[in-house]
Amino acid sequence: MIRVGIDAMGGDYAPKNIVLGAIQAYSRIQSKTRLVLFGDNEQIATLCKDFGFDVAKFDIIHTSQVIEMNDHPAKAFQQKPDSSITVGFGALAKMRIDGFASAGSTGAMLAGAMYTVKAIPGIIRPAIASEYPLLTGGTAIILDVGLNVDCKPDVLYQYGLLGTIYAKHMSGIENPRVALLNIGEEEEKGNLQTKEAHKLMQDTAEYNFVGNIESNHLFSGEIADVIVADGFVGNVVLKQAEAMYALAKRQGIDNEYFNRFNYELYGGTPVLGVNAPIIIGHGASSPKAIENMILQTEHAVQVRLVEKITEALEIE
């Protein structure tokens, strides 16, 4: 049985959107998957009743505290031991659930990932990854998108491996093409960081490195399936991609491709390189986004994503 943990109290519209998203996900999860909601038992039960859903179909772990968006992430994680995030991570660390998803405080989720679940041995620095649509019809993944704003070349090299494993097992791409985001395609272009990273990556046999990629080729799908960048640059790209969708909507553009930039379709951003599947959702997540976040977490458990990363590092 797979047990997917969900922070029912995290997010701008919790617990309503979270509970409704979980209800919607219930009809799409595998028969052997169980959804475990962490949060206020009474509120969750009331919402289920209002939506005409049998609350007994969920496992509910009652918590009495909530880590708010304006709380100091690390301090709140420790000072609110009965919060939905803290209790959820405790269950994850004790393997009472197999994966954990939340649209709550990103900082608190990262604190939980680093201090409770911890990094996989051999991982220099975990990363947050994000999928985005390609003109070819598929998706690409970019990492890091905000966890580590400054990265040494060996960290960028390892991101190529993490992205490859994610693209292969989560997106079904047999031999993902990995590219380093840079200001030019030539290997001598870039700053000291990207030049040194390129040297490491071009000699690797661990993944399919195709060289540098410029930002004007990110969305075509002609060059790469995995984009490697430090968290500063990656976050800029992510925010720009989100803005493209918002601008299209403000202009009244109904386009099949631009509609695929809607974050609701992807659920959340995975934390790669830690000892359990962890998905962080958008704070303003709609029920549809929560539904997809839950399905994404279930899929990460099903394909044994963490185990695949661990096995790859052991081969090294």
Protein backbone atom coordinates (compact mmCIF):
# COMPACT_ATOMS: atom_id res chain seq x y z
CA MET A 1 0.00 0.00 0.00
CA ILE A 2 1.13 3.55 -0.79
CA ARG A 3 0.35 6.19 1.81
CA VAL A 4 0.46 9.78 0.52
CA GLY A 5 0.63 12.44 3.22
CA ILE A 6 -1.08 15.78 2.61
CA ASP A 7 -0.78 18.98 4.63
CA ALA A 8 -4.45 19.92 4.89
CA MET A 9 -3.75 23.25 6.61
CA GLY A 10 -1.09 24.68 4.28
CA GLY A 11 -1.83 27.24 1.59
CA ASP A 12 -3.72 30.47 1.09
CA TYR A 13 -7.07 28.70 0.82
CA ALA A 14 -6.60 25.87 3.28
CA PRO A 15 -8.21 23.71 4.38
CA LYS A 16 -11.05 24.05 1.86
CA ASN A 17 -9.01 23.82 -1.36
CA ILE A 18 -6.80 21.08 0.07
CA VAL A 19 -9.70 18.88 1.13
CA LEU A 20 -11.54 19.40 -2.16
CA GLY A 21 -8.35 18.64 -4.09
CA ALA A 22 -7.90 15.44 -2.06
CA ILE A 23 -11.50 14.45 -2.79
CA GLN A 24 -10.92 14.99 -6.50
CA ALA A 25 -7.68 13.02 -6.36
CA TYR A 26 -9.39 10.12 -4.59
CA SER A 27 -11.17 9.08 -7.78
CA ARG A 28 -7.88 9.01 -9.70
CA ILE A 29 -5.42 7.37 -7.30
CA GLN A 30 -4.62 3.67 -7.43
CA SER A 31 -6.81 1.31 -5.40
CA LYS A 32 -3.90 0.49 -3.10
CA THR A 33 -3.13 4.14 -2.35
CA ARG A 34 -4.34 5.73 0.88
CA LEU A 35 -4.50 9.50 1.42
CA VAL A 36 -3.42 10.70 4.85
CA LEU A 37 -4.48 14.24 5.76
CA PHE A 38 -2.66 16.16 8.49
CA GLY A 39 -4.75 18.92 10.01
CA ASP A 40 -7.73 19.89 12.12
CA ASN A 41 -9.95 16.81 12.27
CA GLU A 42 -13.19 18.74 12.80
CA GLN A 43 -12.62 21.13 9.90
CA ILE A 44 -11.66 18.31 7.55
CA ALA A 45 -14.69 16.22 8.54
CA THR A 46 -17.04 19.19 8.12
CA LEU A 47 -15.70 19.98 4.66
CA CYS A 48 -16.01 16.36 3.58
CA LYS A 49 -19.63 16.37 4.75
CA ASP A 50 -20.31 19.63 2.91
CA PHE A 51 -18.88 18.12 -0.30
CA GLY A 52 -20.86 14.90 0.17
CA PHE A 53 -17.73 12.78 0.63
CA ASP A 54 -17.25 9.95 3.13
CA VAL A 55 -14.45 11.16 5.41
CA ALA A 56 -13.68 7.54 6.33
CA LYS A 57 -12.05 7.18 2.92
CA PHE A 58 -9.22 9.34 4.27
CA ASP A 59 -6.87 8.74 7.17
CA ILE A 60 -6.78 11.88 9.29
CA ILE A 61 -3.97 12.75 11.69
CA HIS A 62 -5.23 15.55 13.90
CA THR A 63 -2.95 18.55 14.43
CA SER A 64 -3.69 21.67 16.41
CA GLN A 65 -1.18 24.14 14.99
CA VAL A 66 -0.53 25.76 11.61
CA ILE A 67 2.72 27.22 10.27
CA GLU A 68 1.64 30.49 8.68
CA MET A 69 3.24 32.00 5.61
CA ASN A 70 4.64 34.90 7.65
CA ASP A 71 6.19 32.65 10.32
CA HIS A 72 9.96 32.21 10.38
CA PRO A 73 10.25 28.82 8.61
CA ALA A 74 12.95 27.11 10.65
CA LYS A 75 11.82 28.52 13.99
CA ALA A 76 8.17 27.71 13.33
CA PHE A 77 9.05 24.15 12.38
CA GLN A 78 10.60 23.70 15.83
CA GLN A 79 8.29 25.95 17.86
CA LYS A 80 5.07 24.47 16.47
CA PRO A 81 5.59 20.74 17.06
CA ASP A 82 1.90 19.98 16.51
CA SER A 83 1.65 21.81 13.20
CA SER A 84 0.48 19.92 10.12
CA ILE A 85 3.88 20.29 8.45
CA THR A 86 5.95 19.24 11.47
CA VAL A 87 3.76 16.24 12.28
CA GLY A 88 3.67 15.29 8.62
CA PHE A 89 7.43 15.24 8.39
CA GLY A 90 7.61 13.24 11.61
CA ALA A 91 5.39 10.60 10.02
CA LEU A 92 7.49 10.67 6.85
CA ALA A 93 10.72 10.21 8.79
CA LYS A 94 9.21 7.23 10.64
CA MET A 95 7.98 5.81 7.30
CA ARG A 96 4.33 5.94 8.36
CA ILE A 97 3.70 7.69 5.05
CA ASP A 98 5.62 7.23 1.80
CA GLY A 99 5.52 10.80 0.48
CA PHE A 100 4.44 14.23 1.69
CA ALA A 101 2.89 17.15 -0.17
CA SER A 102 2.03 20.68 0.95
CA ALA A 103 1.00 24.04 -0.48
CA GLY A 104 2.06 25.66 2.77
CA SER A 105 5.23 27.47 3.76
CA THR A 106 8.00 26.63 1.30
CA GLY A 107 10.61 27.54 3.89
CA ALA A 108 9.09 25.22 6.48
CA MET A 109 8.85 22.41 3.93
CA LEU A 110 12.52 22.84 3.07
CA ALA A 111 13.43 22.94 6.76
CA GLY A 112 11.57 19.68 7.25
CA ALA A 113 13.24 18.15 4.23
CA MET A 114 16.73 19.07 5.39
CA TYR A 115 16.43 18.52 9.16
CA THR A 116 13.99 15.62 9.37
CA VAL A 117 14.17 13.53 6.21
CA LYS A 118 17.67 14.78 5.27
CA ALA A 119 19.68 14.51 2.08
CA ILE A 120 20.50 11.22 0.41
CA PRO A 121 24.12 10.25 1.19
CA GLY A 122 26.29 11.53 -1.64
CA ILE A 123 24.04 14.45 -2.53
CA ILE A 124 26.02 17.68 -2.28
CA ARG A 125 22.92 19.90 -2.26
CA PRO A 126 19.30 18.95 -2.93
CA ALA A 127 17.43 20.95 -5.56
CA ILE A 128 13.91 22.10 -6.33
CA ALA A 129 12.87 21.15 -9.84
CA SER A 130 10.05 22.44 -12.02
CA GLU A 131 8.44 21.15 -15.20
CA TYR A 132 7.39 23.41 -18.06
CA PRO A 133 5.77 22.75 -21.47
CA LEU A 134 7.62 22.40 -24.76
CA LEU A 135 6.38 23.28 -28.23
CA THR A 136 7.01 19.67 -29.23
CA GLY A 137 4.22 18.62 -26.89
CA GLY A 138 6.20 17.20 -24.00
CA THR A 139 7.70 18.85 -20.96
CA ALA A 140 11.17 19.77 -19.78
CA ILE A 141 12.49 20.07 -16.26
CA ILE A 142 14.68 22.85 -14.91
CA LEU A 143 16.67 22.68 -11.69
CA ASP A 144 17.45 24.33 -9.37
CA VAL A 145 14.62 26.88 -9.21
CA GLY A 146 15.33 28.51 -5.88
CA LEU A 147 16.83 26.28 -3.20
CA ASN A 148 20.50 27.14 -3.84
CA VAL A 149 21.07 30.55 -5.39
CA ASP A 150 24.83 30.02 -5.52
CA CYS A 151 26.18 26.70 -6.79
CA LYS A 152 29.65 25.32 -7.29
CA PRO A 153 30.37 23.49 -10.57
CA ASP A 154 30.20 20.04 -8.96
CA VAL A 155 26.70 20.84 -7.66
CA LEU A 156 25.56 21.81 -11.17
CA TYR A 157 27.10 18.61 -12.48
CA GLN A 158 25.08 16.58 -9.99
CA TYR A 159 21.90 18.46 -10.89
CA GLY A 160 22.32 16.97 -14.36
CA LEU A 161 22.14 13.50 -12.82
CA LEU A 162 19.15 14.35 -10.61
CA GLY A 163 17.29 15.87 -13.54
CA THR A 164 18.06 12.87 -15.73
CA ILE A 165 16.63 10.43 -13.20
CA TYR A 166 13.51 12.56 -12.75
CA ALA A 167 12.92 12.95 -16.49
CA LYS A 168 13.47 9.27 -17.13
CA HIS A 169 11.23 7.88 -14.41
CA MET A 170 8.64 10.63 -13.89
CA SER A 171 8.28 11.85 -17.49
CA GLY A 172 9.12 8.60 -19.28
CA ILE A 173 11.96 10.03 -21.40
CA GLU A 174 14.31 7.15 -22.21
CA ASN A 175 17.55 9.13 -22.68
CA PRO A 176 16.99 12.71 -21.47
CA ARG A 177 19.11 15.41 -23.07
CA VAL A 178 20.80 17.55 -20.43
CA ALA A 179 21.87 21.14 -21.15
CA LEU A 180 23.55 23.82 -19.08
CA LEU A 181 21.79 27.19 -19.20
CA ASN A 182 24.27 29.80 -20.38
CA ILE A 183 24.65 33.03 -22.35
CA GLY A 184 26.01 31.22 -25.38
CA GLU A 185 26.20 27.74 -26.87
CA GLU A 186 30.01 27.72 -27.13
CA GLU A 187 31.77 25.92 -24.29
CA GLU A 188 34.03 28.89 -23.57
CA LYS A 189 31.03 31.18 -22.91
CA GLY A 190 29.72 32.10 -19.47
CA ASN A 191 31.14 32.91 -16.06
CA LEU A 192 33.67 30.87 -14.09
CA GLN A 193 30.90 28.76 -12.60
CA THR A 194 29.34 27.65 -15.90
CA LYS A 195 32.69 27.22 -17.65
CA GLU A 196 33.93 24.83 -14.98
CA ALA A 197 30.58 23.03 -14.84
CA HIS A 198 30.69 22.56 -18.60
CA LYS A 199 34.11 20.92 -18.34
CA LEU A 200 32.79 18.43 -15.80
CA MET A 201 29.60 17.70 -17.70
CA GLN A 202 31.09 17.25 -21.16
CA ASP A 203 33.23 14.34 -19.99
CA THR A 204 30.49 12.47 -18.14
CA ALA A 205 29.20 9.01 -18.97
CA GLU A 206 26.44 9.26 -16.35
CA TYR A 207 24.00 11.18 -18.50
CA ASN A 208 23.43 12.60 -21.97
CA PHE A 209 24.99 16.06 -21.83
CA VAL A 210 24.33 18.04 -25.03
CA GLY A 211 26.16 21.26 -24.13
CA ASN A 212 25.08 24.80 -23.34
CA ILE A 213 21.63 26.14 -24.10
CA GLU A 214 20.58 29.77 -24.43
CA SER A 215 17.30 30.95 -22.96
CA ASN A 216 15.75 31.58 -26.39
CA HIS A 217 15.79 27.81 -27.00
CA LEU A 218 14.33 26.71 -23.67
CA PHE A 219 10.77 26.17 -24.86
CA SER A 220 11.29 24.73 -28.34
CA GLY A 221 12.14 21.22 -27.17
CA GLU A 222 14.70 20.90 -29.96
CA ILE A 223 17.77 20.83 -27.72
CA ALA A 224 17.13 19.57 -24.20
CA ASP A 225 14.79 17.81 -21.78
CA VAL A 226 16.70 18.78 -18.62
CA ILE A 227 17.98 22.29 -17.98
CA VAL A 228 20.64 22.83 -15.33
CA ALA A 229 21.03 26.21 -13.61
CA ASP A 230 21.73 27.59 -10.17
CA GLY A 231 18.75 28.53 -8.03
CA PHE A 232 19.02 32.25 -8.79
CA VAL A 233 18.86 31.88 -12.56
CA GLY A 234 16.41 28.98 -12.42
CA ASN A 235 13.99 30.94 -10.27
CA VAL A 236 14.10 33.86 -12.70
CA VAL A 237 13.21 31.48 -15.55
CA LEU A 238 10.38 29.92 -13.53
CA LYS A 239 8.84 33.29 -12.65
CA GLN A 240 9.15 34.40 -16.28
CA ALA A 241 7.34 31.26 -17.43
CA GLU A 242 4.54 31.90 -14.92
CA ALA A 243 4.31 35.48 -16.18
CA MET A 244 3.90 34.30 -19.78
CA TYR A 245 0.73 32.45 -18.81
CA ALA A 246 -0.60 35.39 -16.78
CA LEU A 247 0.08 37.83 -19.64
CA ALA A 248 -1.62 35.56 -22.16
CA LYS A 249 -4.72 35.40 -19.97
CA ARG A 250 -4.77 39.17 -19.44
CA GLN A 251 -4.66 39.63 -23.21
CA GLY A 252 -7.56 37.22 -23.66
CA ILE A 253 -5.37 34.72 -25.51
CA ASP A 254 -6.75 31.18 -25.53
CA ASN A 255 -3.88 29.18 -26.96
CA GLU A 256 -3.30 25.46 -26.50
CA TYR A 257 0.42 25.88 -25.88
CA PHE A 258 0.25 28.89 -23.54
CA ASN A 259 -2.55 27.22 -21.60
CA ARG A 260 -0.06 24.50 -20.68
CA PHE A 261 1.89 27.03 -18.61
CA ASN A 262 -0.93 26.90 -16.04
CA TYR A 263 0.75 25.73 -12.83
CA GLU A 264 -2.39 23.81 -11.88
CA LEU A 265 -1.51 21.15 -14.44
CA TYR A 266 1.77 20.27 -12.74
CA GLY A 267 0.75 20.18 -9.09
CA GLY A 268 3.98 21.21 -7.44
CA THR A 269 7.75 21.29 -7.48
CA PRO A 270 9.63 18.23 -6.19
CA VAL A 271 12.57 18.43 -3.82
CA LEU A 272 15.17 16.18 -5.39
CA GLY A 273 18.03 14.61 -3.46
CA VAL A 274 16.30 13.94 -0.11
CA ASN A 275 15.33 10.60 1.40
CA ALA A 276 11.62 10.69 0.60
CA PRO A 277 9.30 12.11 -2.07
CA ILE A 278 8.43 15.69 -1.12
CA ILE A 279 6.30 17.95 -3.31
CA ILE A 280 5.81 21.67 -2.63
CA GLY A 281 2.70 23.26 -4.11
CA HIS A 282 1.87 26.86 -4.95
CA GLY A 283 0.49 28.81 -1.98
CA ALA A 284 -2.54 29.87 -4.00
CA SER A 285 -3.20 26.34 -5.24
CA SER A 286 -6.68 25.61 -6.51
CA PRO A 287 -8.33 22.21 -5.85
CA LYS A 288 -7.18 21.12 -9.32
CA ALA A 289 -3.57 22.00 -8.46
CA ILE A 290 -3.83 20.11 -5.17
CA GLU A 291 -5.29 17.12 -7.01
CA ASN A 292 -2.32 17.05 -9.38
CA MET A 293 0.14 17.61 -6.52
CA ILE A 294 -1.22 14.51 -4.81
CA LEU A 295 -1.07 12.44 -8.01
CA GLN A 296 2.49 13.65 -8.59
CA THR A 297 3.47 12.51 -5.10
CA GLU A 298 1.85 9.12 -5.64
CA HIS A 299 3.68 8.74 -8.96
CA ALA A 300 7.05 9.56 -7.36
CA VAL A 301 6.46 6.78 -4.83
CA GLN A 302 5.28 4.33 -7.49
CA VAL A 303 8.34 4.76 -9.70
CA ARG A 304 10.65 4.60 -6.66
CA LEU A 305 12.20 7.96 -7.54
CA VAL A 306 14.23 8.27 -4.33
CA GLU A 307 15.53 4.71 -4.68
CA LYS A 308 16.56 5.39 -8.28
CA ILE A 309 18.58 8.43 -7.20
CA THR A 310 20.19 6.45 -4.36
CA GLU A 311 21.11 3.61 -6.72
CA ALA A 312 22.69 6.05 -9.19
CA LEU A 313 24.87 7.54 -6.47
CA GLU A 314 25.95 4.09 -5.28
CA ILE A 315 27.08 3.26 -8.81
CA GLU A 316 29.40 6.26 -8.66
